PDB file of all heavy atoms in Angstrom:
ATOM      1  N   VAL A   1     -25.069  -5.695   3.352  1.00  0.00           N
ATOM      2  CA  VAL A   1     -24.869  -6.285   4.668  1.00  0.00           C
ATOM      3  C   VAL A   1     -25.437  -7.698   4.669  1.00  0.00           C
ATOM      4  O   VAL A   1     -26.532  -7.927   4.159  1.00  0.00           O
ATOM      5  CB  VAL A   1     -25.609  -5.438   5.735  1.00  0.00           C
ATOM      6  CG1 VAL A   1     -25.426  -6.026   7.115  1.00  0.00           C
ATOM      7  CG2 VAL A   1     -25.146  -4.004   5.671  1.00  0.00           C
ATOM      8  N   ARG A   2     -24.684  -8.637   5.257  1.00  0.00           N
ATOM      9  CA  ARG A   2     -25.201 -10.008   5.368  1.00  0.00           C
ATOM     10  C   ARG A   2     -26.348 -10.023   6.367  1.00  0.00           C
ATOM     11  O   ARG A   2     -26.215  -9.590   7.499  1.00  0.00           O
ATOM     12  CB  ARG A   2     -24.120 -10.978   5.807  1.00  0.00           C
ATOM     13  CG  ARG A   2     -24.622 -12.415   5.895  1.00  0.00           C
ATOM     14  CD  ARG A   2     -23.563 -13.354   6.397  1.00  0.00           C
ATOM     15  NE  ARG A   2     -22.526 -13.555   5.428  1.00  0.00           N
ATOM     16  CZ  ARG A   2     -22.529 -14.504   4.501  1.00  0.00           C
ATOM     17  NH1 ARG A   2     -23.552 -15.324   4.420  1.00  0.00           N
ATOM     18  NH2 ARG A   2     -21.541 -14.633   3.654  1.00  0.00           N
ATOM     19  N   GLU A   3     -27.495 -10.528   5.924  1.00  0.00           N
ATOM     20  CA  GLU A   3     -28.690 -10.584   6.760  1.00  0.00           C
ATOM     21  C   GLU A   3     -28.433 -11.440   7.999  1.00  0.00           C
ATOM     22  O   GLU A   3     -27.926 -12.551   7.904  1.00  0.00           O
ATOM     23  CB  GLU A   3     -29.834 -11.189   5.940  1.00  0.00           C
ATOM     24  CG  GLU A   3     -31.185 -11.049   6.553  1.00  0.00           C
ATOM     25  CD  GLU A   3     -32.250 -11.538   5.600  1.00  0.00           C
ATOM     26  OE1 GLU A   3     -32.575 -10.803   4.651  1.00  0.00           O
ATOM     27  OE2 GLU A   3     -32.738 -12.662   5.804  1.00  0.00           O
ATOM     28  N   GLY A   4     -28.761 -10.894   9.168  1.00  0.00           N
ATOM     29  CA  GLY A   4     -28.627 -11.641  10.408  1.00  0.00           C
ATOM     30  C   GLY A   4     -27.234 -11.619  11.018  1.00  0.00           C
ATOM     31  O   GLY A   4     -27.028 -12.186  12.084  1.00  0.00           O
ATOM     32  N   ALA A   5     -26.272 -10.962  10.371  1.00  0.00           N
ATOM     33  CA  ALA A   5     -24.913 -10.925  10.918  1.00  0.00           C
ATOM     34  C   ALA A   5     -24.867  -9.994  12.126  1.00  0.00           C
ATOM     35  O   ALA A   5     -25.350  -8.870  12.078  1.00  0.00           O
ATOM     36  CB  ALA A   5     -23.936 -10.443   9.851  1.00  0.00           C
ATOM     37  N   LEU A   6     -24.283 -10.472  13.212  1.00  0.00           N
ATOM     38  CA  LEU A   6     -24.162  -9.643  14.411  1.00  0.00           C
ATOM     39  C   LEU A   6     -23.060  -8.599  14.238  1.00  0.00           C
ATOM     40  O   LEU A   6     -23.166  -7.486  14.727  1.00  0.00           O
ATOM     41  CB  LEU A   6     -23.886 -10.516  15.631  1.00  0.00           C
ATOM     42  CG  LEU A   6     -25.009 -11.502  15.991  1.00  0.00           C
ATOM     43  CD1 LEU A   6     -24.589 -12.381  17.149  1.00  0.00           C
ATOM     44  CD2 LEU A   6     -26.291 -10.757  16.304  1.00  0.00           C
ATOM     45  N   ALA A   7     -22.005  -8.991  13.557  1.00  0.00           N
ATOM     46  CA  ALA A   7     -20.907  -8.062  13.257  1.00  0.00           C
ATOM     47  C   ALA A   7     -20.445  -8.351  11.845  1.00  0.00           C
ATOM     48  O   ALA A   7     -20.214  -9.504  11.486  1.00  0.00           O
ATOM     49  CB  ALA A   7     -19.764  -8.262  14.242  1.00  0.00           C
ATOM     50  N   ASP A   8     -20.344  -7.331  11.034  1.00  0.00           N
ATOM     51  CA  ASP A   8     -19.956  -7.516   9.643  1.00  0.00           C
ATOM     52  C   ASP A   8     -18.923  -6.452   9.280  1.00  0.00           C
ATOM     53  O   ASP A   8     -19.256  -5.269   9.198  1.00  0.00           O
ATOM     54  CB  ASP A   8     -21.187  -7.396   8.742  1.00  0.00           C
ATOM     55  CG  ASP A   8     -20.919  -7.788   7.302  1.00  0.00           C
ATOM     56  OD1 ASP A   8     -19.736  -7.883   6.912  1.00  0.00           O
ATOM     57  OD2 ASP A   8     -21.893  -8.004   6.564  1.00  0.00           O
ATOM     58  N   PRO A   9     -17.653  -6.853   9.086  1.00  0.00           N
ATOM     59  CA  PRO A   9     -16.603  -5.875   8.797  1.00  0.00           C
ATOM     60  C   PRO A   9     -16.752  -5.197   7.428  1.00  0.00           C
ATOM     61  O   PRO A   9     -16.078  -4.228   7.142  1.00  0.00           O
ATOM     62  CB  PRO A   9     -15.312  -6.706   8.852  1.00  0.00           C
ATOM     63  CG  PRO A   9     -15.749  -8.104   8.577  1.00  0.00           C
ATOM     64  CD  PRO A   9     -17.148  -8.212   9.135  1.00  0.00           C
ATOM     65  N   THR A  10     -17.666  -5.698   6.605  1.00  0.00           N
ATOM     66  CA  THR A  10     -17.861  -5.089   5.289  1.00  0.00           C
ATOM     67  C   THR A  10     -18.863  -3.932   5.327  1.00  0.00           C
ATOM     68  O   THR A  10     -19.061  -3.265   4.322  1.00  0.00           O
ATOM     69  CB  THR A  10     -18.340  -6.129   4.253  1.00  0.00           C
ATOM     70  OG1 THR A  10     -19.629  -6.595   4.618  1.00  0.00           O
ATOM     71  CG2 THR A  10     -17.364  -7.288   4.152  1.00  0.00           C
ATOM     72  N   VAL A  11     -19.478  -3.701   6.487  1.00  0.00           N
ATOM     73  CA  VAL A  11     -20.440  -2.610   6.616  1.00  0.00           C
ATOM     74  C   VAL A  11     -19.680  -1.286   6.694  1.00  0.00           C
ATOM     75  O   VAL A  11     -18.787  -1.117   7.518  1.00  0.00           O
ATOM     76  CB  VAL A  11     -21.315  -2.783   7.869  1.00  0.00           C
ATOM     77  CG1 VAL A  11     -22.233  -1.588   8.055  1.00  0.00           C
ATOM     78  CG2 VAL A  11     -22.118  -4.057   7.769  1.00  0.00           C
ATOM     79  N   ALA A  12     -20.043  -0.362   5.826  1.00  0.00           N
ATOM     80  CA  ALA A  12     -19.401   0.947   5.813  1.00  0.00           C
ATOM     81  C   ALA A  12     -20.001   1.841   6.889  1.00  0.00           C
ATOM     82  O   ALA A  12     -21.214   1.834   7.105  1.00  0.00           O
ATOM     83  CB  ALA A  12     -19.559   1.589   4.437  1.00  0.00           C
ATOM     84  N   SER A  13     -19.155   2.606   7.528  1.00  0.00           N
ATOM     85  CA  SER A  13     -19.633   3.567   8.530  1.00  0.00           C
ATOM     86  C   SER A  13     -20.190   4.798   7.815  1.00  0.00           C
ATOM     87  O   SER A  13     -19.978   4.989   6.611  1.00  0.00           O
ATOM     88  CB  SER A  13     -18.480   3.987   9.440  1.00  0.00           C
ATOM     89  OG  SER A  13     -17.542   4.759   8.701  1.00  0.00           O
ATOM     90  N   ASP A  14     -20.879   5.636   8.570  1.00  0.00           N
ATOM     91  CA  ASP A  14     -21.375   6.895   7.997  1.00  0.00           C
ATOM     92  C   ASP A  14     -20.215   7.723   7.461  1.00  0.00           C
ATOM     93  O   ASP A  14     -20.325   8.364   6.412  1.00  0.00           O
ATOM     94  CB  ASP A  14     -22.149   7.696   9.052  1.00  0.00           C
ATOM     95  CG  ASP A  14     -23.481   7.047   9.403  1.00  0.00           C
ATOM     96  OD1 ASP A  14     -23.964   6.204   8.621  1.00  0.00           O
ATOM     97  OD2 ASP A  14     -24.025   7.388  10.472  1.00  0.00           O
ATOM     98  N   GLU A  15     -19.092   7.705   8.172  1.00  0.00           N
ATOM     99  CA  GLU A  15     -17.905   8.453   7.730  1.00  0.00           C
ATOM    100  C   GLU A  15     -17.366   7.902   6.400  1.00  0.00           C
ATOM    101  O   GLU A  15     -17.018   8.661   5.502  1.00  0.00           O
ATOM    102  CB  GLU A  15     -16.819   8.388   8.799  1.00  0.00           C
ATOM    103  CG  GLU A  15     -15.573   9.178   8.444  1.00  0.00           C
ATOM    104  CD  GLU A  15     -14.514   9.075   9.537  1.00  0.00           C
ATOM    105  OE1 GLU A  15     -14.873   9.045  10.728  1.00  0.00           O
ATOM    106  OE2 GLU A  15     -13.342   9.011   9.162  1.00  0.00           O
ATOM    107  N   ASP A  16     -17.310   6.564   6.283  1.00  0.00           N
ATOM    108  CA  ASP A  16     -16.862   5.943   5.025  1.00  0.00           C
ATOM    109  C   ASP A  16     -17.756   6.380   3.868  1.00  0.00           C
ATOM    110  O   ASP A  16     -17.275   6.767   2.802  1.00  0.00           O
ATOM    111  CB  ASP A  16     -16.903   4.410   5.115  1.00  0.00           C
ATOM    112  CG  ASP A  16     -15.911   3.826   6.094  1.00  0.00           C
ATOM    113  OD1 ASP A  16     -14.810   4.395   6.255  1.00  0.00           O
ATOM    114  OD2 ASP A  16     -16.245   2.790   6.703  1.00  0.00           O
ATOM    115  N   LEU A  17     -19.056   6.308   4.086  1.00  0.00           N
ATOM    116  CA  LEU A  17     -20.012   6.640   3.027  1.00  0.00           C
ATOM    117  C   LEU A  17     -19.974   8.133   2.688  1.00  0.00           C
ATOM    118  O   LEU A  17     -20.097   8.513   1.522  1.00  0.00           O
ATOM    119  CB  LEU A  17     -21.411   6.202   3.409  1.00  0.00           C
ATOM    120  CG  LEU A  17     -21.586   4.688   3.563  1.00  0.00           C
ATOM    121  CD1 LEU A  17     -22.967   4.354   4.079  1.00  0.00           C
ATOM    122  CD2 LEU A  17     -21.288   3.967   2.258  1.00  0.00           C
ATOM    123  N   ARG A  18     -19.763   8.966   3.686  1.00  0.00           N
ATOM    124  CA  ARG A  18     -19.649  10.406   3.435  1.00  0.00           C
ATOM    125  C   ARG A  18     -18.410  10.696   2.579  1.00  0.00           C
ATOM    126  O   ARG A  18     -18.444  11.494   1.660  1.00  0.00           O
ATOM    127  CB  ARG A  18     -19.600  11.173   4.759  1.00  0.00           C
ATOM    128  CG  ARG A  18     -19.702  12.661   4.601  1.00  0.00           C
ATOM    129  CD  ARG A  18     -19.869  13.435   5.903  1.00  0.00           C
ATOM    130  NE  ARG A  18     -19.331  12.825   7.112  1.00  0.00           N
ATOM    131  CZ  ARG A  18     -20.057  12.124   8.005  1.00  0.00           C
ATOM    132  NH1 ARG A  18     -21.349  11.929   7.809  1.00  0.00           N
ATOM    133  NH2 ARG A  18     -19.491  11.616   9.076  1.00  0.00           N
ATOM    134  N   ARG A  19     -17.307   9.999   2.870  1.00  0.00           N
ATOM    135  CA  ARG A  19     -16.082  10.159   2.080  1.00  0.00           C
ATOM    136  C   ARG A  19     -16.317   9.766   0.618  1.00  0.00           C
ATOM    137  O   ARG A  19     -15.886  10.449  -0.307  1.00  0.00           O
ATOM    138  CB  ARG A  19     -14.950   9.341   2.701  1.00  0.00           C
ATOM    139  CG  ARG A  19     -13.597   9.604   2.090  1.00  0.00           C
ATOM    140  CD  ARG A  19     -12.466   8.861   2.799  1.00  0.00           C
ATOM    141  NE  ARG A  19     -12.666   7.425   2.869  1.00  0.00           N
ATOM    142  CZ  ARG A  19     -13.005   6.765   3.967  1.00  0.00           C
ATOM    143  NH1 ARG A  19     -13.223   7.394   5.088  1.00  0.00           N
ATOM    144  NH2 ARG A  19     -13.148   5.453   3.938  1.00  0.00           N
ATOM    145  N   VAL A  20     -17.057   8.668   0.417  1.00  0.00           N
ATOM    146  CA  VAL A  20     -17.356   8.205  -0.939  1.00  0.00           C
ATOM    147  C   VAL A  20     -18.247   9.203  -1.673  1.00  0.00           C
ATOM    148  O   VAL A  20     -17.969   9.574  -2.816  1.00  0.00           O
ATOM    149  CB  VAL A  20     -18.028   6.805  -0.890  1.00  0.00           C
ATOM    150  CG1 VAL A  20     -18.612   6.432  -2.228  1.00  0.00           C
ATOM    151  CG2 VAL A  20     -17.028   5.756  -0.429  1.00  0.00           C
ATOM    152  N   THR A  21     -19.292   9.657  -1.016  1.00  0.00           N
ATOM    153  CA  THR A  21     -20.212  10.598  -1.683  1.00  0.00           C
ATOM    154  C   THR A  21     -19.539  11.948  -1.910  1.00  0.00           C
ATOM    155  O   THR A  21     -19.795  12.597  -2.921  1.00  0.00           O
ATOM    156  CB  THR A  21     -21.533  10.766  -0.900  1.00  0.00           C
ATOM    157  OG1 THR A  21     -21.245  11.186   0.437  1.00  0.00           O
ATOM    158  CG2 THR A  21     -22.326   9.468  -0.867  1.00  0.00           C
ATOM    159  N   ASP A  22     -18.665  12.363  -0.998  1.00  0.00           N
ATOM    160  CA  ASP A  22     -17.919  13.610  -1.195  1.00  0.00           C
ATOM    161  C   ASP A  22     -16.973  13.511  -2.390  1.00  0.00           C
ATOM    162  O   ASP A  22     -16.838  14.458  -3.165  1.00  0.00           O
ATOM    163  CB  ASP A  22     -17.125  13.991   0.059  1.00  0.00           C
ATOM    164  CG  ASP A  22     -18.004  14.475   1.203  1.00  0.00           C
ATOM    165  OD1 ASP A  22     -19.210  14.713   0.981  1.00  0.00           O
ATOM    166  OD2 ASP A  22     -17.468  14.614   2.331  1.00  0.00           O
ATOM    167  N   ALA A  23     -16.320  12.357  -2.550  1.00  0.00           N
ATOM    168  CA  ALA A  23     -15.419  12.157  -3.693  1.00  0.00           C
ATOM    169  C   ALA A  23     -16.200  12.210  -4.999  1.00  0.00           C
ATOM    170  O   ALA A  23     -15.742  12.804  -5.989  1.00  0.00           O
ATOM    171  CB  ALA A  23     -14.681  10.822  -3.568  1.00  0.00           C
ATOM    172  N   ALA A  24     -17.377  11.614  -5.016  1.00  0.00           N
ATOM    173  CA  ALA A  24     -18.215  11.654  -6.218  1.00  0.00           C
ATOM    174  C   ALA A  24     -18.653  13.086  -6.504  1.00  0.00           C
ATOM    175  O   ALA A  24     -18.566  13.551  -7.651  1.00  0.00           O
ATOM    176  CB  ALA A  24     -19.424  10.749  -6.058  1.00  0.00           C
ATOM    177  N   ALA A  25     -19.095  13.795  -5.483  1.00  0.00           N
ATOM    178  CA  ALA A  25     -19.551  15.178  -5.662  1.00  0.00           C
ATOM    179  C   ALA A  25     -18.417  16.066  -6.166  1.00  0.00           C
ATOM    180  O   ALA A  25     -18.625  16.917  -7.038  1.00  0.00           O
ATOM    181  CB  ALA A  25     -20.108  15.723  -4.349  1.00  0.00           C
ATOM    182  N   ALA A  26     -17.207  15.846  -5.644  1.00  0.00           N
ATOM    183  CA  ALA A  26     -16.050  16.634  -6.084  1.00  0.00           C
ATOM    184  C   ALA A  26     -15.753  16.419  -7.565  1.00  0.00           C
ATOM    185  O   ALA A  26     -15.226  17.309  -8.240  1.00  0.00           O
ATOM    186  CB  ALA A  26     -14.820  16.291  -5.243  1.00  0.00           C
ATOM    187  N   ALA A  27     -16.099  15.241  -8.062  1.00  0.00           N
ATOM    188  CA  ALA A  27     -15.893  14.933  -9.485  1.00  0.00           C
ATOM    189  C   ALA A  27     -17.111  15.315 -10.327  1.00  0.00           C
ATOM    190  O   ALA A  27     -17.141  15.049 -11.529  1.00  0.00           O
ATOM    191  CB  ALA A  27     -15.583  13.446  -9.651  1.00  0.00           C
ATOM    192  N   GLY A  28     -18.131  15.878  -9.691  1.00  0.00           N
ATOM    193  CA  GLY A  28     -19.332  16.262 -10.416  1.00  0.00           C
ATOM    194  C   GLY A  28     -20.241  15.098 -10.759  1.00  0.00           C
ATOM    195  O   GLY A  28     -21.018  15.152 -11.708  1.00  0.00           O
ATOM    196  N   VAL A  29     -20.172  14.045  -9.959  1.00  0.00           N
ATOM    197  CA  VAL A  29     -20.946  12.823 -10.218  1.00  0.00           C
ATOM    198  C   VAL A  29     -22.060  12.699  -9.177  1.00  0.00           C
ATOM    199  O   VAL A  29     -21.802  12.761  -7.974  1.00  0.00           O
ATOM    200  CB  VAL A  29     -20.025  11.578 -10.153  1.00  0.00           C
ATOM    201  CG1 VAL A  29     -20.829  10.294 -10.232  1.00  0.00           C
ATOM    202  CG2 VAL A  29     -18.975  11.630 -11.255  1.00  0.00           C
TER     203      VAL A  29
END
């Protein structure tokens, strides 16, 4: 995250991050 940014479209939501970690877990990673 860019320090001091009021709005940053590159910030992942909890849902985005859960999807990423679930995909890794499904692959055994």
